[in-house]
Every structure is written in C-alpha cells, then in structure tokens.
Amino acid sequence: MIAGYNTLSAKEKEQYDEAKLCKILAITLFFTSIVLILGAMKILSFTDMIIISIFILIIGVILGNIIPKK
C-alpha cells in the first residue's frame, strides 16, 4: 500500500489522506502480528495462521484503497 502510494504523482497523492492510509496500515500490521504471535505460541496451527493472516492482509489492502480517499 505505502509503496504504491510513494510511486504516485503529486496530483494523485492529493486524492489520499496520508494519515488515514498510515492508520489503516498500522491496524492491518498489528492484527497480522497478533496472528503470527499466536501461531508462534502454538495456539493456532500453521495452516490457520497463514489463512487468517492472508485474510487480514487482503481486507487491509481493500480498506487501504477505499477509506483514505478524500
């Protein structure tokens, strides 16, 4: 999300609220890290950990493209 944002032109960057984009990315990474920690502690199986992490990242990407637009 952020890498794609950094490649936008100045005119395209004006269409996004950078604070909202960063907040969505932080929330997405927070929940992904919680899932990975639970997997490392053997509370979640490896398969469950991967599936949940991918689901969270997909939702984060979708929200990162919808919510921060002005």
PDB file of N, CA and C in Angstrom:
ATOM      1  N   MET A   1       0.825  -1.195   0.000  1.00  0.00           N
ATOM      2  CA  MET A   1       0.000   0.000   0.000  1.00  0.00           C
ATOM      3  C   MET A   1       0.866   1.255   0.000  1.00  0.00           C
ATOM      4  N   ILE A   2       1.798   1.324   0.920  1.00  0.00           N
ATOM      5  CA  ILE A   2       2.636   2.514   1.025  1.00  0.00           C
ATOM      6  C   ILE A   2       3.573   2.616  -0.173  1.00  0.00           C
ATOM      7  N   ALA A   3       4.097   1.474  -0.650  1.00  0.00           N
ATOM      8  CA  ALA A   3       4.998   1.503  -1.809  1.00  0.00           C
ATOM      9  C   ALA A   3       4.265   2.053  -3.034  1.00  0.00           C
ATOM     10  N   GLY A   4       3.024   1.642  -3.224  1.00  0.00           N
ATOM     11  CA  GLY A   4       2.238   2.163  -4.338  1.00  0.00           C
ATOM     12  C   GLY A   4       1.937   3.642  -4.167  1.00  0.00           C
ATOM     13  N   TYR A   5       1.720   4.060  -2.946  1.00  0.00           N
ATOM     14  CA  TYR A   5       1.458   5.473  -2.670  1.00  0.00           C
ATOM     15  C   TYR A   5       2.678   6.318  -3.005  1.00  0.00           C
ATOM     16  N   ASN A   6       3.858   5.817  -2.679  1.00  0.00           N
ATOM     17  CA  ASN A   6       5.087   6.577  -2.924  1.00  0.00           C
ATOM     18  C   ASN A   6       5.392   6.745  -4.403  1.00  0.00           C
ATOM     19  N   THR A   7       4.841   5.888  -5.247  1.00  0.00           N
ATOM     20  CA  THR A   7       5.090   5.999  -6.678  1.00  0.00           C
ATOM     21  C   THR A   7       4.072   6.889  -7.397  1.00  0.00           C
ATOM     22  N   LEU A   8       3.057   7.349  -6.683  1.00  0.00           N
ATOM     23  CA  LEU A   8       2.043   8.216  -7.295  1.00  0.00           C
ATOM     24  C   LEU A   8       2.611   9.607  -7.572  1.00  0.00           C
ATOM     25  N   SER A   9       2.012  10.266  -8.547  1.00  0.00           N
ATOM     26  CA  SER A   9       2.388  11.653  -8.814  1.00  0.00           C
ATOM     27  C   SER A   9       1.818  12.546  -7.715  1.00  0.00           C
ATOM     28  N   ALA A  10       2.295  13.761  -7.643  1.00  0.00           N
ATOM     29  CA  ALA A  10       1.832  14.700  -6.608  1.00  0.00           C
ATOM     30  C   ALA A  10       0.325  14.941  -6.729  1.00  0.00           C
ATOM     31  N   LYS A  11      -0.179  15.000  -7.962  1.00  0.00           N
ATOM     32  CA  LYS A  11      -1.607  15.228  -8.176  1.00  0.00           C
ATOM     33  C   LYS A  11      -2.433  14.050  -7.652  1.00  0.00           C
ATOM     34  N   GLU A  12      -1.939  12.834  -7.871  1.00  0.00           N
ATOM     35  CA  GLU A  12      -2.656  11.647  -7.400  1.00  0.00           C
ATOM     36  C   GLU A  12      -2.557  11.506  -5.880  1.00  0.00           C
ATOM     37  N   LYS A  13      -1.430  11.935  -5.299  1.00  0.00           N
ATOM     38  CA  LYS A  13      -1.273  11.858  -3.842  1.00  0.00           C
ATOM     39  C   LYS A  13      -2.250  12.778  -3.118  1.00  0.00           C
ATOM     40  N   GLU A  14      -2.666  13.859  -3.777  1.00  0.00           N
ATOM     41  CA  GLU A  14      -3.616  14.790  -3.170  1.00  0.00           C
ATOM     42  C   GLU A  14      -4.986  14.144  -2.957  1.00  0.00           C
ATOM     43  N   GLN A  15      -5.278  13.050  -3.663  1.00  0.00           N
ATOM     44  CA  GLN A  15      -6.566  12.382  -3.551  1.00  0.00           C
ATOM     45  C   GLN A  15      -6.653  11.502  -2.302  1.00  0.00           C
ATOM     46  N   TYR A  16      -5.525  11.280  -1.628  1.00  0.00           N
ATOM     47  CA  TYR A  16      -5.487  10.392  -0.471  1.00  0.00           C
ATOM     48  C   TYR A  16      -5.179  11.163   0.807  1.00  0.00           C
ATOM     49  N   ASP A  17      -5.785  10.720   1.891  1.00  0.00           N
ATOM     50  CA  ASP A  17      -5.483  11.248   3.218  1.00  0.00           C
ATOM     51  C   ASP A  17      -4.368  10.360   3.796  1.00  0.00           C
ATOM     52  N   GLU A  18      -3.163  10.902   3.843  1.00  0.00           N
ATOM     53  CA  GLU A  18      -1.991  10.119   4.238  1.00  0.00           C
ATOM     54  C   GLU A  18      -2.113   9.585   5.671  1.00  0.00           C
ATOM     55  N   ALA A  19      -2.704  10.356   6.568  1.00  0.00           N
ATOM     56  CA  ALA A  19      -2.865   9.914   7.960  1.00  0.00           C
ATOM     57  C   ALA A  19      -3.789   8.702   8.040  1.00  0.00           C
ATOM     58  N   LYS A  20      -4.885   8.715   7.293  1.00  0.00           N
ATOM     59  CA  LYS A  20      -5.810   7.579   7.296  1.00  0.00           C
ATOM     60  C   LYS A  20      -5.146   6.344   6.694  1.00  0.00           C
ATOM     61  N   LEU A  21      -4.378   6.540   5.630  1.00  0.00           N
ATOM     62  CA  LEU A  21      -3.684   5.427   4.991  1.00  0.00           C
ATOM     63  C   LEU A  21      -2.700   4.782   5.956  1.00  0.00           C
ATOM     64  N   CYS A  22      -1.947   5.587   6.668  1.00  0.00           N
ATOM     65  CA  CYS A  22      -0.983   5.068   7.637  1.00  0.00           C
ATOM     66  C   CYS A  22      -1.681   4.368   8.796  1.00  0.00           C
ATOM     67  N   LYS A  23      -2.818   4.900   9.222  1.00  0.00           N
ATOM     68  CA  LYS A  23      -3.561   4.288  10.322  1.00  0.00           C
ATOM     69  C   LYS A  23      -4.095   2.920   9.916  1.00  0.00           C
ATOM     70  N   ILE A  24      -4.625   2.803   8.718  1.00  0.00           N
ATOM     71  CA  ILE A  24      -5.130   1.520   8.229  1.00  0.00           C
ATOM     72  C   ILE A  24      -3.987   0.512   8.116  1.00  0.00           C
ATOM     73  N   LEU A  25      -2.849   0.953   7.620  1.00  0.00           N
ATOM     74  CA  LEU A  25      -1.697   0.063   7.511  1.00  0.00           C
ATOM     75  C   LEU A  25      -1.233  -0.392   8.894  1.00  0.00           C
ATOM     76  N   ALA A  26      -1.205   0.508   9.857  1.00  0.00           N
ATOM     77  CA  ALA A  26      -0.793   0.158  11.220  1.00  0.00           C
ATOM     78  C   ALA A  26      -1.747  -0.859  11.844  1.00  0.00           C
ATOM     79  N   ILE A  27      -3.047  -0.663  11.661  1.00  0.00           N
ATOM     80  CA  ILE A  27      -4.034  -1.594  12.210  1.00  0.00           C
ATOM     81  C   ILE A  27      -3.898  -2.966  11.545  1.00  0.00           C
ATOM     82  N   THR A  28      -3.733  -2.979  10.234  1.00  0.00           N
ATOM     83  CA  THR A  28      -3.564  -4.239   9.499  1.00  0.00           C
ATOM     84  C   THR A  28      -2.339  -4.998   9.985  1.00  0.00           C
ATOM     85  N   LEU A  29      -1.222  -4.304  10.122  1.00  0.00           N
ATOM     86  CA  LEU A  29       0.006  -4.954  10.569  1.00  0.00           C
ATOM     87  C   LEU A  29      -0.091  -5.399  12.031  1.00  0.00           C
ATOM     88  N   PHE A  30      -0.806  -4.643  12.850  1.00  0.00           N
ATOM     89  CA  PHE A  30      -0.996  -5.031  14.247  1.00  0.00           C
ATOM     90  C   PHE A  30      -1.730  -6.365  14.343  1.00  0.00           C
ATOM     91  N   PHE A  31      -2.856  -6.483  13.640  1.00  0.00           N
ATOM     92  CA  PHE A  31      -3.625  -7.722  13.702  1.00  0.00           C
ATOM     93  C   PHE A  31      -2.872  -8.888  13.070  1.00  0.00           C
ATOM     94  N   THR A  32      -2.125  -8.628  12.014  1.00  0.00           N
ATOM     95  CA  THR A  32      -1.312  -9.684  11.414  1.00  0.00           C
ATOM     96  C   THR A  32      -0.238 -10.155  12.391  1.00  0.00           C
ATOM     97  N   SER A  33       0.374  -9.232  13.101  1.00  0.00           N
ATOM     98  CA  SER A  33       1.411  -9.629  14.069  1.00  0.00           C
ATOM     99  C   SER A  33       0.813 -10.425  15.228  1.00  0.00           C
ATOM    100  N   ILE A  34      -0.399 -10.093  15.661  1.00  0.00           N
ATOM    101  CA  ILE A  34      -1.065 -10.857  16.720  1.00  0.00           C
ATOM    102  C   ILE A  34      -1.275 -12.301  16.264  1.00  0.00           C
ATOM    103  N   VAL A  35      -1.728 -12.468  15.025  1.00  0.00           N
ATOM    104  CA  VAL A  35      -1.946 -13.811  14.488  1.00  0.00           C
ATOM    105  C   VAL A  35      -0.625 -14.572  14.418  1.00  0.00           C
ATOM    106  N   LEU A  36       0.438 -13.917  13.982  1.00  0.00           N
ATOM    107  CA  LEU A  36       1.739 -14.575  13.903  1.00  0.00           C
ATOM    108  C   LEU A  36       2.270 -14.950  15.288  1.00  0.00           C
ATOM    109  N   ILE A  37       2.045 -14.102  16.264  1.00  0.00           N
ATOM    110  CA  ILE A  37       2.460 -14.418  17.644  1.00  0.00           C
ATOM    111  C   ILE A  37       1.680 -15.627  18.167  1.00  0.00           C
ATOM    112  N   LEU A  38       0.372 -15.657  17.906  1.00  0.00           N
ATOM    113  CA  LEU A  38      -0.430 -16.808  18.336  1.00  0.00           C
ATOM    114  C   LEU A  38       0.036 -18.090  17.654  1.00  0.00           C
ATOM    115  N   GLY A  39       0.455 -17.977  16.407  1.00  0.00           N
ATOM    116  CA  GLY A  39       0.991 -19.135  15.703  1.00  0.00           C
ATOM    117  C   GLY A  39       2.322 -19.579  16.288  1.00  0.00           C
ATOM    118  N   ALA A  40       3.172 -18.629  16.654  1.00  0.00           N
ATOM    119  CA  ALA A  40       4.468 -18.957  17.245  1.00  0.00           C
ATOM    120  C   ALA A  40       4.302 -19.608  18.606  1.00  0.00           C
ATOM    121  N   MET A  41       3.247 -19.258  19.317  1.00  0.00           N
ATOM    122  CA  MET A  41       2.984 -19.840  20.640  1.00  0.00           C
ATOM    123  C   MET A  41       2.216 -21.159  20.530  1.00  0.00           C
ATOM    124  N   LYS A  42       1.999 -21.615  19.310  1.00  0.00           N
ATOM    125  CA  LYS A  42       1.288 -22.881  19.038  1.00  0.00           C
ATOM    126  C   LYS A  42      -0.179 -22.847  19.469  1.00  0.00           C
ATOM    127  N   ILE A  43      -0.740 -21.650  19.579  1.00  0.00           N
ATOM    128  CA  ILE A  43      -2.169 -21.526  19.884  1.00  0.00           C
ATOM    129  C   ILE A  43      -2.977 -21.725  18.605  1.00  0.00           C
ATOM    130  N   LEU A  44      -2.422 -21.275  17.481  1.00  0.00           N
ATOM    131  CA  LEU A  44      -3.024 -21.500  16.165  1.00  0.00           C
ATOM    132  C   LEU A  44      -2.151 -22.481  15.395  1.00  0.00           C
ATOM    133  N   SER A  45      -2.787 -23.310  14.584  1.00  0.00           N
ATOM    134  CA  SER A  45      -1.999 -24.197  13.730  1.00  0.00           C
ATOM    135  C   SER A  45      -1.376 -23.358  12.601  1.00  0.00           C
ATOM    136  N   PHE A  46      -0.373 -23.929  11.952  1.00  0.00           N
ATOM    137  CA  PHE A  46       0.313 -23.212  10.879  1.00  0.00           C
ATOM    138  C   PHE A  46      -0.662 -22.846   9.759  1.00  0.00           C
ATOM    139  N   THR A  47      -1.518 -23.789   9.391  1.00  0.00           N
ATOM    140  CA  THR A  47      -2.484 -23.546   8.313  1.00  0.00           C
ATOM    141  C   THR A  47      -3.455 -22.430   8.688  1.00  0.00           C
ATOM    142  N   ASP A  48      -3.972 -22.468   9.902  1.00  0.00           N
ATOM    143  CA  ASP A  48      -4.893 -21.421  10.355  1.00  0.00           C
ATOM    144  C   ASP A  48      -4.201 -20.066  10.376  1.00  0.00           C
ATOM    145  N   MET A  49      -2.961 -20.054  10.832  1.00  0.00           N
ATOM    146  CA  MET A  49      -2.206 -18.812  10.905  1.00  0.00           C
ATOM    147  C   MET A  49      -2.040 -18.181   9.513  1.00  0.00           C
ATOM    148  N   ILE A  50      -1.686 -18.996   8.536  1.00  0.00           N
ATOM    149  CA  ILE A  50      -1.499 -18.492   7.169  1.00  0.00           C
ATOM    150  C   ILE A  50      -2.821 -17.991   6.597  1.00  0.00           C
ATOM    151  N   ILE A  51      -3.878 -18.764   6.755  1.00  0.00           N
ATOM    152  CA  ILE A  51      -5.184 -18.372   6.194  1.00  0.00           C
ATOM    153  C   ILE A  51      -5.682 -17.074   6.820  1.00  0.00           C
ATOM    154  N   ILE A  52      -5.613 -16.967   8.134  1.00  0.00           N
ATOM    155  CA  ILE A  52      -6.085 -15.757   8.819  1.00  0.00           C
ATOM    156  C   ILE A  52      -5.229 -14.553   8.445  1.00  0.00           C
ATOM    157  N   SER A  53      -3.909 -14.745   8.365  1.00  0.00           N
ATOM    158  CA  SER A  53      -3.018 -13.636   8.003  1.00  0.00           C
ATOM    159  C   SER A  53      -3.300 -13.132   6.596  1.00  0.00           C
ATOM    160  N   ILE A  54      -3.480 -14.054   5.654  1.00  0.00           N
ATOM    161  CA  ILE A  54      -3.790 -13.652   4.280  1.00  0.00           C
ATOM    162  C   ILE A  54      -5.127 -12.913   4.227  1.00  0.00           C
ATOM    163  N   PHE A  55      -6.117 -13.411   4.963  1.00  0.00           N
ATOM    164  CA  PHE A  55      -7.428 -12.749   5.013  1.00  0.00           C
ATOM    165  C   PHE A  55      -7.299 -11.326   5.560  1.00  0.00           C
ATOM    166  N   ILE A  56      -6.552 -11.150   6.642  1.00  0.00           N
ATOM    167  CA  ILE A  56      -6.362  -9.823   7.227  1.00  0.00           C
ATOM    168  C   ILE A  56      -5.657  -8.896   6.251  1.00  0.00           C
ATOM    169  N   LEU A  57      -4.631  -9.401   5.573  1.00  0.00           N
ATOM    170  CA  LEU A  57      -3.895  -8.561   4.618  1.00  0.00           C
ATOM    171  C   LEU A  57      -4.765  -8.166   3.424  1.00  0.00           C
ATOM    172  N   ILE A  58      -5.591  -9.082   2.950  1.00  0.00           N
ATOM    173  CA  ILE A  58      -6.490  -8.750   1.833  1.00  0.00           C
ATOM    174  C   ILE A  58      -7.481  -7.670   2.259  1.00  0.00           C
ATOM    175  N   ILE A  59      -8.075  -7.818   3.433  1.00  0.00           N
ATOM    176  CA  ILE A  59      -9.010  -6.807   3.938  1.00  0.00           C
ATOM    177  C   ILE A  59      -8.284  -5.465   4.100  1.00  0.00           C
ATOM    178  N   GLY A  60      -7.048  -5.502   4.616  1.00  0.00           N
ATOM    179  CA  GLY A  60      -6.268  -4.275   4.788  1.00  0.00           C
ATOM    180  C   GLY A  60      -5.987  -3.571   3.476  1.00  0.00           C
ATOM    181  N   VAL A  61      -5.671  -4.347   2.446  1.00  0.00           N
ATOM    182  CA  VAL A  61      -5.414  -3.745   1.126  1.00  0.00           C
ATOM    183  C   VAL A  61      -6.685  -3.131   0.560  1.00  0.00           C
ATOM    184  N   ILE A  62      -7.802  -3.834   0.684  1.00  0.00           N
ATOM    185  CA  ILE A  62      -9.073  -3.305   0.179  1.00  0.00           C
ATOM    186  C   ILE A  62      -9.438  -2.020   0.914  1.00  0.00           C
ATOM    187  N   LEU A  63      -9.364  -2.045   2.250  1.00  0.00           N
ATOM    188  CA  LEU A  63      -9.694  -0.846   3.015  1.00  0.00           C
ATOM    189  C   LEU A  63      -8.691   0.281   2.745  1.00  0.00           C
ATOM    190  N   GLY A  64      -7.450  -0.076   2.532  1.00  0.00           N
ATOM    191  CA  GLY A  64      -6.421   0.932   2.240  1.00  0.00           C
ATOM    192  C   GLY A  64      -6.637   1.627   0.906  1.00  0.00           C
ATOM    193  N   ASN A  65      -7.377   1.002   0.017  1.00  0.00           N
ATOM    194  CA  ASN A  65      -7.674   1.615  -1.264  1.00  0.00           C
ATOM    195  C   ASN A  65      -9.007   2.352  -1.275  1.00  0.00           C
ATOM    196  N   ILE A  66      -9.855   2.085  -0.287  1.00  0.00           N
ATOM    197  CA  ILE A  66     -11.177   2.703  -0.262  1.00  0.00           C
ATOM    198  C   ILE A  66     -11.248   3.866   0.731  1.00  0.00           C
ATOM    199  N   ILE A  67     -10.878   3.631   1.979  1.00  0.00           N
ATOM    200  CA  ILE A  67     -11.110   4.594   3.060  1.00  0.00           C
ATOM    201  C   ILE A  67     -10.290   5.882   2.941  1.00  0.00           C
ATOM    202  N   PRO A  68      -8.989   5.840   2.620  1.00  0.00           N
ATOM    203  CA  PRO A  68      -8.210   7.083   2.676  1.00  0.00           C
ATOM    204  C   PRO A  68      -8.479   8.089   1.566  1.00  0.00           C
ATOM    205  N   LYS A  69      -9.306   7.750   0.595  1.00  0.00           N
ATOM    206  CA  LYS A  69      -9.571   8.704  -0.489  1.00  0.00           C
ATOM    207  C   LYS A  69     -10.375   9.875   0.045  1.00  0.00           C
ATOM    208  N   LYS A  70      -9.990  11.055  -0.399  1.00  0.00           N
ATOM    209  CA  LYS A  70     -10.671  12.289   0.044  1.00  0.00           C
ATOM    210  C   LYS A  70     -11.958  12.495  -0.693  1.00  0.00           C
TER     211      LYS A  70
END
